[in-house]
Each structure stands twice: as C-alpha cells, then as structure tokens.
Amino acid sequence: MIKIGVTGGIGSGKAEVAKIMASLGAAVVFADQVSRRIYEPGDAGHQAVVDTFGEQILDEDERIDRAALAAIVFGDDAERERLEQAVWPVMAKVVERDFAAAGENGAEVVVLEAAVLFEAGWEGLVDEVWTVTTSEDVAVERVRRRDGLTEEQVRARMAAQLSAADKASKADRVIVNDGTLEELEESVERLWREVVENGT
C-alpha cells in the first residue's frame, strides 16, 4: 500500500487534491476530521486536552467547549503549542489506525490530507509528501470567499503556518494550483500515473 501525504497552506486547494485522489481510488484520511473525532469524551485526545488545560474547557455535558479552548489558544503562541503537543501524538496514532483499516479493506493507496503535516512531524507516517501551492493573493481570495473572513484575518492565519516555500522545499512533489479545477485534475492525474501506476 502506498501512503501519500497531501499538505499545503490555507487556501492552497489541498482538500480538493485529496478529493481528486479519492476519485482515482485512494482512501483518504482528513486530519481535520481526525481532530474532531479525538475531542469526543472518552477519547485519548479529550483526556489530553483536559490534562493540559483543566476542566475549565469543558461544557455541562463534559464535552470540550471549543469556544472556551479557542479563547485560550487564539493569539497566544505558547498556549497553541501546548495544545498541539497534547493532541498531535494522539492524532498520529489515529491516522495509523485508519491507514491500517484502509489496507485491510483493500486500499492500494491511502492519503493523509493535513495542513500541519510537517509542523506535526507526520511525514514519517507516509511514503511521500505532495505539497499544493498557490499564489498568496489567490489563496487569500479563496479563503475570504469560503470562510467569510477579512483579508487581515486570512493573512494572520497564513502567518501562523509554515510558509508555502518551506512546505514545497520539504515535499517530494509539488502541485501548483493557480489555474482551473480542470488543470488541477490534470496535474493530480499526472502524478497519480507516475507514482501509483508507474511507481516512479
């Protein structure tokens, strides 16, 4: 089974790349979905967050109050790093389990779509990494339309991530997503043929 990590900055189109790969037959694990799963009561991620920040971040149902947690970590790099150190190892274990389950179900290719793949040190979970890049202005406009944020809010989120150039330099393959969806599909299909069908 081939394991491919797909990453990129906010607004780069990495989720779209993962969806195209799914249409080609890959099993896809989305890190954002894993993050939501591990916050459920009884999960190791839930306990790790409570151990780190205390019961003040729980609501009346013992669930993590995301607004309360966000209020602690937003704009505070030290607190955000505490959260990341608590949940990233838990997420990695879940990803490995999801990969194994996909293999047992016959998947020949499994994809991990994760914005923080390099930051979390998850490149070791995959055989190779594809980084999706786009110009900053294009990314800003995409995220503004998608999430209803101001340009300043989008650029602040970008500043908190590893730069696109750094991600590209660490990647095995780079997909430039400055054009149409059709052009993106062609780029992904070309890499799919190289890696999956031809093994190069």
N, C-alpha and C. Protein backbone atom coordinates (compact mmCIF):
# COMPACT_ATOMS: atom_id res chain seq x y z
N MET A 1 0.84 -1.20 0.00
CA MET A 1 0.00 0.00 0.00
C MET A 1 0.88 1.24 0.00
N ILE A 2 0.56 2.18 -0.88
CA ILE A 2 1.29 3.44 -0.97
C ILE A 2 0.61 4.47 -0.08
N LYS A 3 1.40 5.14 0.77
CA LYS A 3 0.87 6.15 1.67
C LYS A 3 1.39 7.53 1.25
N ILE A 4 0.47 8.43 0.92
CA ILE A 4 0.84 9.75 0.42
C ILE A 4 0.28 10.83 1.34
N GLY A 5 1.12 11.76 1.74
CA GLY A 5 0.67 12.91 2.50
C GLY A 5 0.41 14.07 1.56
N VAL A 6 -0.70 14.74 1.74
CA VAL A 6 -1.03 15.93 0.94
C VAL A 6 -1.13 17.12 1.89
N THR A 7 -0.33 18.14 1.65
CA THR A 7 -0.34 19.30 2.52
C THR A 7 -0.27 20.57 1.69
N GLY A 8 -0.30 21.70 2.37
CA GLY A 8 -0.27 22.98 1.70
C GLY A 8 -0.84 24.02 2.64
N GLY A 9 -0.63 25.28 2.30
CA GLY A 9 -1.12 26.35 3.15
C GLY A 9 -2.62 26.53 3.03
N ILE A 10 -3.16 27.38 3.87
CA ILE A 10 -4.58 27.69 3.84
C ILE A 10 -4.95 28.26 2.46
N GLY A 11 -6.02 27.72 1.88
CA GLY A 11 -6.47 28.20 0.58
C GLY A 11 -5.71 27.66 -0.61
N SER A 12 -4.80 26.71 -0.37
CA SER A 12 -3.99 26.18 -1.48
C SER A 12 -4.76 25.21 -2.37
N GLY A 13 -5.78 24.56 -1.79
CA GLY A 13 -6.53 23.57 -2.56
C GLY A 13 -6.16 22.14 -2.23
N LYS A 14 -5.52 21.93 -1.07
CA LYS A 14 -5.09 20.58 -0.72
C LYS A 14 -6.26 19.62 -0.53
N ALA A 15 -7.37 20.11 0.02
CA ALA A 15 -8.54 19.23 0.20
C ALA A 15 -9.10 18.81 -1.16
N GLU A 16 -9.07 19.74 -2.11
CA GLU A 16 -9.55 19.41 -3.46
C GLU A 16 -8.66 18.35 -4.09
N VAL A 17 -7.34 18.47 -3.88
CA VAL A 17 -6.41 17.46 -4.40
C VAL A 17 -6.73 16.10 -3.79
N ALA A 18 -6.98 16.07 -2.49
CA ALA A 18 -7.31 14.80 -1.82
C ALA A 18 -8.59 14.21 -2.38
N LYS A 19 -9.57 15.06 -2.67
CA LYS A 19 -10.83 14.57 -3.24
C LYS A 19 -10.62 13.99 -4.64
N ILE A 20 -9.77 14.63 -5.42
CA ILE A 20 -9.46 14.11 -6.75
C ILE A 20 -8.79 12.74 -6.62
N MET A 21 -7.88 12.61 -5.66
CA MET A 21 -7.21 11.33 -5.43
C MET A 21 -8.20 10.26 -4.99
N ALA A 22 -9.20 10.67 -4.20
CA ALA A 22 -10.25 9.72 -3.79
C ALA A 22 -11.01 9.23 -5.01
N SER A 23 -11.27 10.14 -5.96
CA SER A 23 -12.00 9.74 -7.17
C SER A 23 -11.18 8.79 -8.03
N LEU A 24 -9.85 8.81 -7.83
CA LEU A 24 -8.97 7.89 -8.57
C LEU A 24 -8.80 6.56 -7.85
N GLY A 25 -9.37 6.45 -6.65
CA GLY A 25 -9.35 5.18 -5.94
C GLY A 25 -8.65 5.17 -4.60
N ALA A 26 -8.11 6.32 -4.17
CA ALA A 26 -7.41 6.37 -2.88
C ALA A 26 -8.40 6.41 -1.72
N ALA A 27 -7.99 5.83 -0.60
CA ALA A 27 -8.70 6.04 0.67
C ALA A 27 -8.09 7.28 1.30
N VAL A 28 -8.93 8.22 1.75
CA VAL A 28 -8.42 9.49 2.25
C VAL A 28 -8.74 9.67 3.73
N VAL A 29 -7.73 10.08 4.48
CA VAL A 29 -7.90 10.44 5.89
C VAL A 29 -7.69 11.94 5.99
N PHE A 30 -8.73 12.66 6.43
CA PHE A 30 -8.63 14.11 6.59
C PHE A 30 -8.27 14.43 8.04
N ALA A 31 -7.15 15.11 8.25
CA ALA A 31 -6.70 15.41 9.61
C ALA A 31 -7.73 16.22 10.39
N ASP A 32 -8.44 17.13 9.73
CA ASP A 32 -9.45 17.93 10.44
C ASP A 32 -10.53 17.03 11.03
N GLN A 33 -10.91 15.99 10.29
CA GLN A 33 -11.92 15.06 10.79
C GLN A 33 -11.38 14.24 11.96
N VAL A 34 -10.11 13.85 11.87
CA VAL A 34 -9.47 13.13 12.97
C VAL A 34 -9.46 14.00 14.22
N SER A 35 -9.16 15.29 14.05
CA SER A 35 -9.12 16.22 15.17
C SER A 35 -10.47 16.28 15.88
N ARG A 36 -11.53 16.34 15.09
CA ARG A 36 -12.87 16.39 15.70
C ARG A 36 -13.19 15.10 16.44
N ARG A 37 -12.77 13.98 15.88
CA ARG A 37 -13.05 12.68 16.50
C ARG A 37 -12.37 12.52 17.85
N ILE A 38 -11.12 12.97 17.95
CA ILE A 38 -10.37 12.72 19.19
C ILE A 38 -10.82 13.63 20.33
N TYR A 39 -11.65 14.64 20.03
CA TYR A 39 -12.15 15.52 21.07
C TYR A 39 -13.38 14.95 21.77
N GLU A 40 -13.87 13.82 21.28
CA GLU A 40 -15.06 13.23 21.89
C GLU A 40 -14.75 12.71 23.30
N PRO A 41 -15.68 12.85 24.25
CA PRO A 41 -15.45 12.33 25.60
C PRO A 41 -15.09 10.85 25.57
N GLY A 42 -14.12 10.48 26.38
CA GLY A 42 -13.67 9.09 26.41
C GLY A 42 -12.50 8.81 25.50
N ASP A 43 -12.24 9.72 24.57
CA ASP A 43 -11.11 9.53 23.66
C ASP A 43 -9.83 10.06 24.32
N ALA A 44 -8.70 9.50 23.88
CA ALA A 44 -7.42 9.92 24.45
C ALA A 44 -7.14 11.40 24.20
N GLY A 45 -7.61 11.92 23.07
CA GLY A 45 -7.40 13.34 22.78
C GLY A 45 -8.16 14.23 23.73
N HIS A 46 -9.37 13.84 24.05
CA HIS A 46 -10.19 14.58 25.01
C HIS A 46 -9.47 14.65 26.35
N GLN A 47 -8.95 13.51 26.80
CA GLN A 47 -8.25 13.46 28.09
C GLN A 47 -6.98 14.30 28.05
N ALA A 48 -6.26 14.25 26.91
CA ALA A 48 -5.02 15.01 26.80
C ALA A 48 -5.28 16.52 26.90
N VAL A 49 -6.38 16.97 26.29
CA VAL A 49 -6.71 18.39 26.35
C VAL A 49 -7.11 18.79 27.77
N VAL A 50 -7.90 17.95 28.42
CA VAL A 50 -8.32 18.25 29.80
C VAL A 50 -7.09 18.25 30.72
N ASP A 51 -6.19 17.28 30.53
CA ASP A 51 -4.98 17.23 31.35
C ASP A 51 -4.13 18.48 31.17
N THR A 52 -4.17 19.05 29.96
CA THR A 52 -3.33 20.21 29.65
C THR A 52 -3.95 21.52 30.13
N PHE A 53 -5.27 21.67 29.94
CA PHE A 53 -5.91 22.96 30.21
C PHE A 53 -6.90 22.95 31.37
N GLY A 54 -7.18 21.78 31.92
CA GLY A 54 -8.09 21.71 33.05
C GLY A 54 -9.55 21.62 32.64
N GLU A 55 -10.40 21.39 33.61
CA GLU A 55 -11.81 21.19 33.33
C GLU A 55 -12.55 22.47 32.98
N GLN A 56 -11.86 23.60 33.03
CA GLN A 56 -12.46 24.87 32.65
C GLN A 56 -12.87 24.89 31.18
N ILE A 57 -12.31 23.99 30.37
CA ILE A 57 -12.62 24.00 28.94
C ILE A 57 -13.73 22.99 28.61
N LEU A 58 -14.38 22.43 29.62
CA LEU A 58 -15.49 21.51 29.40
C LEU A 58 -16.83 22.22 29.57
N ASP A 59 -17.83 21.78 28.78
CA ASP A 59 -19.17 22.32 28.98
C ASP A 59 -19.94 21.43 29.95
N GLU A 60 -21.23 21.68 30.12
CA GLU A 60 -22.01 20.95 31.12
C GLU A 60 -22.17 19.47 30.78
N ASP A 61 -21.91 19.11 29.51
CA ASP A 61 -22.00 17.71 29.10
C ASP A 61 -20.64 17.00 29.09
N GLU A 62 -19.64 17.65 29.68
CA GLU A 62 -18.28 17.11 29.74
C GLU A 62 -17.59 17.08 28.38
N ARG A 63 -18.17 17.80 27.42
CA ARG A 63 -17.54 17.92 26.11
C ARG A 63 -16.60 19.13 26.10
N ILE A 64 -15.60 19.08 25.23
CA ILE A 64 -14.70 20.22 25.13
C ILE A 64 -15.44 21.39 24.50
N ASP A 65 -15.44 22.51 25.19
CA ASP A 65 -16.06 23.73 24.69
C ASP A 65 -15.03 24.39 23.76
N ARG A 66 -15.26 24.23 22.47
CA ARG A 66 -14.26 24.72 21.51
C ARG A 66 -14.07 26.23 21.58
N ALA A 67 -15.14 26.94 21.90
CA ALA A 67 -15.02 28.40 22.02
C ALA A 67 -14.14 28.77 23.21
N ALA A 68 -14.32 28.05 24.32
CA ALA A 68 -13.50 28.31 25.51
C ALA A 68 -12.04 27.97 25.24
N LEU A 69 -11.82 26.86 24.54
CA LEU A 69 -10.45 26.46 24.21
C LEU A 69 -9.82 27.46 23.25
N ALA A 70 -10.60 27.88 22.26
CA ALA A 70 -10.09 28.85 21.29
C ALA A 70 -9.71 30.16 21.96
N ALA A 71 -10.49 30.55 22.96
CA ALA A 71 -10.21 31.80 23.67
C ALA A 71 -8.86 31.75 24.38
N ILE A 72 -8.46 30.54 24.78
CA ILE A 72 -7.17 30.36 25.47
C ILE A 72 -6.01 30.38 24.48
N VAL A 73 -6.17 29.66 23.37
CA VAL A 73 -5.03 29.45 22.47
C VAL A 73 -4.93 30.48 21.35
N PHE A 74 -6.06 31.14 21.00
CA PHE A 74 -6.01 32.08 19.88
C PHE A 74 -5.14 33.28 20.22
N GLY A 75 -4.17 33.53 19.37
CA GLY A 75 -3.30 34.68 19.56
C GLY A 75 -2.21 34.49 20.60
N ASP A 76 -2.14 33.29 21.19
CA ASP A 76 -1.11 33.01 22.20
C ASP A 76 -0.30 31.81 21.72
N ASP A 77 0.87 32.07 21.16
CA ASP A 77 1.66 31.00 20.55
C ASP A 77 2.02 29.91 21.55
N ALA A 78 2.33 30.30 22.78
CA ALA A 78 2.74 29.32 23.79
C ALA A 78 1.58 28.38 24.11
N GLU A 79 0.38 28.92 24.25
CA GLU A 79 -0.79 28.09 24.56
C GLU A 79 -1.16 27.21 23.35
N ARG A 80 -1.04 27.78 22.15
CA ARG A 80 -1.32 26.98 20.96
C ARG A 80 -0.36 25.80 20.86
N GLU A 81 0.90 26.05 21.19
CA GLU A 81 1.90 24.97 21.14
C GLU A 81 1.59 23.90 22.20
N ARG A 82 1.09 24.32 23.35
CA ARG A 82 0.70 23.34 24.38
C ARG A 82 -0.41 22.44 23.86
N LEU A 83 -1.38 23.03 23.17
CA LEU A 83 -2.48 22.26 22.60
C LEU A 83 -1.95 21.29 21.54
N GLU A 84 -1.10 21.79 20.67
CA GLU A 84 -0.55 20.95 19.60
C GLU A 84 0.24 19.78 20.17
N GLN A 85 1.07 20.03 21.17
CA GLN A 85 1.87 18.96 21.77
C GLN A 85 0.98 17.92 22.45
N ALA A 86 -0.20 18.34 22.90
CA ALA A 86 -1.12 17.42 23.56
C ALA A 86 -1.85 16.54 22.55
N VAL A 87 -2.29 17.13 21.44
CA VAL A 87 -3.17 16.38 20.53
C VAL A 87 -2.48 15.77 19.32
N TRP A 88 -1.38 16.34 18.86
CA TRP A 88 -0.75 15.79 17.65
C TRP A 88 -0.31 14.33 17.79
N PRO A 89 0.29 13.93 18.92
CA PRO A 89 0.65 12.50 19.05
C PRO A 89 -0.57 11.58 19.05
N VAL A 90 -1.66 12.03 19.66
CA VAL A 90 -2.89 11.24 19.67
C VAL A 90 -3.43 11.10 18.26
N MET A 91 -3.42 12.20 17.52
CA MET A 91 -3.90 12.18 16.14
C MET A 91 -3.07 11.24 15.27
N ALA A 92 -1.76 11.23 15.48
CA ALA A 92 -0.89 10.36 14.69
C ALA A 92 -1.26 8.89 14.88
N LYS A 93 -1.58 8.51 16.10
CA LYS A 93 -1.98 7.12 16.37
C LYS A 93 -3.29 6.78 15.67
N VAL A 94 -4.22 7.73 15.64
CA VAL A 94 -5.50 7.51 14.97
C VAL A 94 -5.27 7.37 13.47
N VAL A 95 -4.42 8.22 12.92
CA VAL A 95 -4.11 8.14 11.49
C VAL A 95 -3.53 6.77 11.14
N GLU A 96 -2.61 6.30 11.96
CA GLU A 96 -2.01 4.99 11.70
C GLU A 96 -3.07 3.89 11.74
N ARG A 97 -4.03 3.99 12.67
CA ARG A 97 -5.11 3.00 12.74
C ARG A 97 -6.00 3.09 11.51
N ASP A 98 -6.28 4.32 11.07
CA ASP A 98 -7.11 4.49 9.88
C ASP A 98 -6.40 3.94 8.64
N PHE A 99 -5.10 4.15 8.55
CA PHE A 99 -4.32 3.60 7.44
C PHE A 99 -4.42 2.07 7.44
N ALA A 100 -4.24 1.48 8.61
CA ALA A 100 -4.28 0.02 8.71
C ALA A 100 -5.66 -0.50 8.31
N ALA A 101 -6.71 0.19 8.76
CA ALA A 101 -8.06 -0.23 8.41
C ALA A 101 -8.29 -0.13 6.91
N ALA A 102 -7.77 0.93 6.28
CA ALA A 102 -7.91 1.09 4.83
C ALA A 102 -7.22 -0.05 4.10
N GLY A 103 -6.03 -0.42 4.60
CA GLY A 103 -5.30 -1.53 3.99
C GLY A 103 -6.06 -2.84 4.11
N GLU A 104 -6.66 -3.06 5.27
CA GLU A 104 -7.44 -4.28 5.48
C GLU A 104 -8.67 -4.32 4.57
N ASN A 105 -9.15 -3.13 4.18
CA ASN A 105 -10.29 -3.05 3.29
C ASN A 105 -9.89 -3.07 1.82
N GLY A 106 -8.60 -3.30 1.57
CA GLY A 106 -8.13 -3.47 0.20
C GLY A 106 -7.61 -2.24 -0.49
N ALA A 107 -7.44 -1.12 0.23
CA ALA A 107 -6.93 0.10 -0.41
C ALA A 107 -5.48 -0.09 -0.83
N GLU A 108 -5.18 0.29 -2.05
CA GLU A 108 -3.80 0.23 -2.54
C GLU A 108 -3.07 1.55 -2.34
N VAL A 109 -3.87 2.63 -2.22
CA VAL A 109 -3.31 3.96 -1.97
C VAL A 109 -4.11 4.61 -0.85
N VAL A 110 -3.42 5.16 0.13
CA VAL A 110 -4.10 5.89 1.21
C VAL A 110 -3.46 7.26 1.31
N VAL A 111 -4.29 8.27 1.53
CA VAL A 111 -3.85 9.66 1.54
C VAL A 111 -4.14 10.28 2.90
N LEU A 112 -3.18 11.01 3.44
CA LEU A 112 -3.38 11.83 4.63
C LEU A 112 -3.39 13.28 4.19
N GLU A 113 -4.54 13.94 4.29
CA GLU A 113 -4.64 15.36 3.97
C GLU A 113 -4.50 16.13 5.27
N ALA A 114 -3.44 16.93 5.40
CA ALA A 114 -3.17 17.62 6.67
C ALA A 114 -2.41 18.91 6.43
N ALA A 115 -2.99 20.01 6.89
CA ALA A 115 -2.32 21.31 6.76
C ALA A 115 -1.02 21.34 7.56
N VAL A 116 -1.01 20.64 8.70
CA VAL A 116 0.14 20.70 9.62
C VAL A 116 1.04 19.48 9.51
N LEU A 117 1.03 18.84 8.37
CA LEU A 117 1.78 17.58 8.22
C LEU A 117 3.25 17.73 8.64
N PHE A 118 3.90 18.76 8.15
CA PHE A 118 5.31 18.97 8.50
C PHE A 118 5.45 19.48 9.93
N GLU A 119 4.60 20.43 10.31
CA GLU A 119 4.69 21.01 11.66
C GLU A 119 4.52 19.94 12.73
N ALA A 120 3.64 18.97 12.46
CA ALA A 120 3.36 17.91 13.44
C ALA A 120 4.36 16.75 13.35
N GLY A 121 5.23 16.77 12.35
CA GLY A 121 6.20 15.68 12.19
C GLY A 121 5.58 14.40 11.65
N TRP A 122 4.51 14.54 10.88
CA TRP A 122 3.80 13.35 10.38
C TRP A 122 4.35 12.83 9.06
N GLU A 123 5.38 13.48 8.52
CA GLU A 123 5.90 12.98 7.24
C GLU A 123 6.41 11.55 7.37
N GLY A 124 6.75 11.14 8.59
CA GLY A 124 7.18 9.77 8.81
C GLY A 124 6.06 8.75 8.70
N LEU A 125 4.80 9.22 8.68
CA LEU A 125 3.67 8.32 8.56
C LEU A 125 3.41 7.92 7.11
N VAL A 126 4.01 8.65 6.17
CA VAL A 126 3.72 8.43 4.75
C VAL A 126 5.00 8.12 3.97
N ASP A 127 4.79 7.58 2.76
CA ASP A 127 5.93 7.24 1.91
C ASP A 127 6.46 8.46 1.17
N GLU A 128 5.57 9.38 0.83
CA GLU A 128 6.00 10.62 0.20
C GLU A 128 4.96 11.71 0.44
N VAL A 129 5.40 12.96 0.24
CA VAL A 129 4.54 14.11 0.51
C VAL A 129 4.36 14.93 -0.76
N TRP A 130 3.10 15.26 -1.04
CA TRP A 130 2.77 16.18 -2.12
C TRP A 130 2.32 17.49 -1.48
N THR A 131 2.98 18.59 -1.84
CA THR A 131 2.58 19.90 -1.34
C THR A 131 1.87 20.68 -2.44
N VAL A 132 0.73 21.25 -2.08
CA VAL A 132 -0.06 22.05 -3.02
C VAL A 132 0.25 23.52 -2.75
N THR A 133 0.61 24.26 -3.79
CA THR A 133 0.93 25.67 -3.63
C THR A 133 0.05 26.52 -4.54
N THR A 134 -0.12 27.75 -4.14
CA THR A 134 -0.82 28.73 -4.95
C THR A 134 -0.30 30.09 -4.56
N SER A 135 -0.53 31.08 -5.40
CA SER A 135 -0.06 32.43 -5.05
C SER A 135 -0.83 32.92 -3.82
N GLU A 136 -0.18 33.77 -3.05
CA GLU A 136 -0.79 34.23 -1.79
C GLU A 136 -2.09 34.98 -2.05
N ASP A 137 -2.13 35.81 -3.07
CA ASP A 137 -3.34 36.58 -3.35
C ASP A 137 -4.50 35.67 -3.72
N VAL A 138 -4.23 34.63 -4.50
CA VAL A 138 -5.28 33.67 -4.87
C VAL A 138 -5.78 32.96 -3.62
N ALA A 139 -4.86 32.55 -2.76
CA ALA A 139 -5.24 31.84 -1.53
C ALA A 139 -6.10 32.73 -0.63
N VAL A 140 -5.70 33.99 -0.49
CA VAL A 140 -6.46 34.93 0.35
C VAL A 140 -7.89 35.05 -0.17
N GLU A 141 -8.03 35.22 -1.48
CA GLU A 141 -9.36 35.40 -2.04
C GLU A 141 -10.21 34.14 -1.87
N ARG A 142 -9.60 32.96 -2.06
CA ARG A 142 -10.33 31.71 -1.88
C ARG A 142 -10.86 31.59 -0.45
N VAL A 143 -10.01 31.88 0.53
CA VAL A 143 -10.41 31.70 1.92
C VAL A 143 -11.41 32.77 2.34
N ARG A 144 -11.24 33.98 1.83
CA ARG A 144 -12.22 35.04 2.13
C ARG A 144 -13.61 34.62 1.66
N ARG A 145 -13.70 34.09 0.44
CA ARG A 145 -15.00 33.67 -0.09
C ARG A 145 -15.54 32.46 0.67
N ARG A 146 -14.67 31.52 0.98
CA ARG A 146 -15.10 30.27 1.60
C ARG A 146 -15.53 30.46 3.04
N ASP A 147 -14.74 31.22 3.82
CA ASP A 147 -14.96 31.30 5.26
C ASP A 147 -15.55 32.63 5.73
N GLY A 148 -15.71 33.58 4.81
CA GLY A 148 -16.29 34.86 5.20
C GLY A 148 -15.38 35.67 6.10
N LEU A 149 -14.08 35.55 5.92
CA LEU A 149 -13.12 36.28 6.75
C LEU A 149 -12.63 37.54 6.04
N THR A 150 -12.06 38.45 6.81
CA THR A 150 -11.43 39.62 6.21
C THR A 150 -10.04 39.23 5.70
N GLU A 151 -9.50 40.07 4.83
CA GLU A 151 -8.16 39.80 4.31
C GLU A 151 -7.15 39.73 5.46
N GLU A 152 -7.31 40.61 6.46
CA GLU A 152 -6.38 40.64 7.59
C GLU A 152 -6.45 39.33 8.38
N GLN A 153 -7.66 38.81 8.57
CA GLN A 153 -7.83 37.55 9.30
C GLN A 153 -7.17 36.39 8.55
N VAL A 154 -7.35 36.37 7.24
CA VAL A 154 -6.76 35.30 6.44
C VAL A 154 -5.24 35.36 6.51
N ARG A 155 -4.69 36.57 6.36
CA ARG A 155 -3.23 36.70 6.37
C ARG A 155 -2.65 36.37 7.74
N ALA A 156 -3.41 36.62 8.81
CA ALA A 156 -2.94 36.26 10.15
C ALA A 156 -2.86 34.74 10.28
N ARG A 157 -3.83 34.03 9.71
CA ARG A 157 -3.80 32.57 9.75
C ARG A 157 -2.63 32.04 8.93
N MET A 158 -2.39 32.68 7.80
CA MET A 158 -1.26 32.27 6.96
C MET A 158 0.06 32.43 7.71
N ALA A 159 0.17 33.53 8.44
CA ALA A 159 1.42 33.82 9.15
C ALA A 159 1.71 32.79 10.23
N ALA A 160 0.67 32.11 10.72
CA ALA A 160 0.84 31.12 11.79
C ALA A 160 1.28 29.76 11.25
N GLN A 161 1.27 29.61 9.92
CA GLN A 161 1.64 28.34 9.31
C GLN A 161 3.05 28.40 8.73
N LEU A 162 3.62 27.21 8.53
CA LEU A 162 4.87 27.11 7.79
C LEU A 162 4.65 27.70 6.41
N SER A 163 5.60 28.47 5.90
CA SER A 163 5.39 29.13 4.62
C SER A 163 5.26 28.13 3.48
N ALA A 164 4.60 28.57 2.41
CA ALA A 164 4.41 27.71 1.24
C ALA A 164 5.75 27.28 0.67
N ALA A 165 6.72 28.18 0.67
CA ALA A 165 8.04 27.85 0.13
C ALA A 165 8.72 26.78 0.98
N ASP A 166 8.58 26.88 2.31
CA ASP A 166 9.18 25.87 3.19
C ASP A 166 8.52 24.50 2.96
N LYS A 167 7.19 24.50 2.84
CA LYS A 167 6.49 23.23 2.61
C LYS A 167 6.89 22.62 1.28
N ALA A 168 7.02 23.47 0.26
CA ALA A 168 7.41 22.98 -1.06
C ALA A 168 8.82 22.39 -1.03
N SER A 169 9.71 23.04 -0.27
CA SER A 169 11.10 22.58 -0.22
C SER A 169 11.23 21.23 0.47
N LYS A 170 10.28 20.91 1.35
CA LYS A 170 10.32 19.66 2.09
C LYS A 170 9.58 18.53 1.35
N ALA A 171 8.82 18.88 0.32
CA ALA A 171 7.95 17.91 -0.34
C ALA A 171 8.70 17.06 -1.36
N ASP A 172 8.15 15.89 -1.64
CA ASP A 172 8.67 15.05 -2.72
C ASP A 172 8.17 15.53 -4.07
N ARG A 173 6.93 16.05 -4.09
CA ARG A 173 6.34 16.55 -5.32
C ARG A 173 5.51 17.79 -4.98
N VAL A 174 5.48 18.73 -5.93
CA VAL A 174 4.77 19.99 -5.74
C VAL A 174 3.71 20.15 -6.82
N ILE A 175 2.50 20.51 -6.40
CA ILE A 175 1.40 20.77 -7.32
C ILE A 175 1.10 22.26 -7.25
N VAL A 176 1.21 22.95 -8.37
CA VAL A 176 0.89 24.38 -8.43
C VAL A 176 -0.57 24.52 -8.82
N ASN A 177 -1.35 25.17 -7.96
CA ASN A 177 -2.79 25.28 -8.16
C ASN A 177 -3.20 26.73 -8.33
N ASP A 178 -2.78 27.31 -9.46
CA ASP A 178 -3.15 28.70 -9.75
C ASP A 178 -4.18 28.80 -10.87
N GLY A 179 -4.58 27.65 -11.42
CA GLY A 179 -5.47 27.68 -12.57
C GLY A 179 -6.86 27.17 -12.27
N THR A 180 -7.43 26.48 -13.25
CA THR A 180 -8.79 25.97 -13.14
C THR A 180 -8.81 24.62 -12.44
N LEU A 181 -10.01 24.18 -12.07
CA LEU A 181 -10.17 22.85 -11.48
C LEU A 181 -9.73 21.78 -12.47
N GLU A 182 -10.02 21.98 -13.74
CA GLU A 182 -9.62 21.00 -14.76
C GLU A 182 -8.11 20.88 -14.82
N GLU A 183 -7.42 22.00 -14.73
CA GLU A 183 -5.95 21.97 -14.75
C GLU A 183 -5.41 21.27 -13.52
N LEU A 184 -6.07 21.50 -12.37
CA LEU A 184 -5.65 20.82 -11.14
C LEU A 184 -5.84 19.31 -11.29
N GLU A 185 -6.98 18.90 -11.82
CA GLU A 185 -7.24 17.47 -12.03
C GLU A 185 -6.18 16.85 -12.93
N GLU A 186 -5.79 17.56 -13.98
CA GLU A 186 -4.76 17.05 -14.88
C GLU A 186 -3.43 16.87 -14.16
N SER A 187 -3.08 17.84 -13.31
CA SER A 187 -1.82 17.75 -12.56
C SER A 187 -1.83 16.56 -11.61
N VAL A 188 -2.94 16.37 -10.90
CA VAL A 188 -3.03 15.27 -9.94
C VAL A 188 -3.02 13.93 -10.67
N GLU A 189 -3.74 13.85 -11.77
CA GLU A 189 -3.78 12.59 -12.52
C GLU A 189 -2.41 12.24 -13.09
N ARG A 190 -1.64 13.26 -13.49
CA ARG A 190 -0.30 13.00 -14.00
C ARG A 190 0.60 12.43 -12.89
N LEU A 191 0.54 13.02 -11.71
CA LEU A 191 1.33 12.49 -10.59
C LEU A 191 0.85 11.11 -10.19
N TRP A 192 -0.44 10.90 -10.22
CA TRP A 192 -1.01 9.58 -9.88
C TRP A 192 -0.44 8.50 -10.81
N ARG A 193 -0.37 8.82 -12.09
CA ARG A 193 0.19 7.85 -13.05
C ARG A 193 1.66 7.58 -12.74
N GLU A 194 2.39 8.65 -12.41
CA GLU A 194 3.81 8.49 -12.12
C GLU A 194 4.04 7.63 -10.87
N VAL A 195 3.32 7.94 -9.81
CA VAL A 195 3.59 7.31 -8.52
C VAL A 195 2.88 5.98 -8.35
N VAL A 196 1.60 5.95 -8.69
CA VAL A 196 0.79 4.76 -8.41
C VAL A 196 0.87 3.74 -9.53
N GLU A 197 0.71 4.21 -10.75
CA GLU A 197 0.67 3.26 -11.87
C GLU A 197 2.05 2.85 -12.37
N ASN A 198 2.99 3.82 -12.36
CA ASN A 198 4.32 3.51 -12.87
C ASN A 198 5.36 3.32 -11.79
N GLY A 199 5.02 3.70 -10.55
CA GLY A 199 5.95 3.51 -9.43
C GLY A 199 7.19 4.31 -9.49
N THR A 200 7.09 5.52 -10.06
CA THR A 200 8.29 6.36 -10.15
C THR A 200 8.23 7.50 -9.15
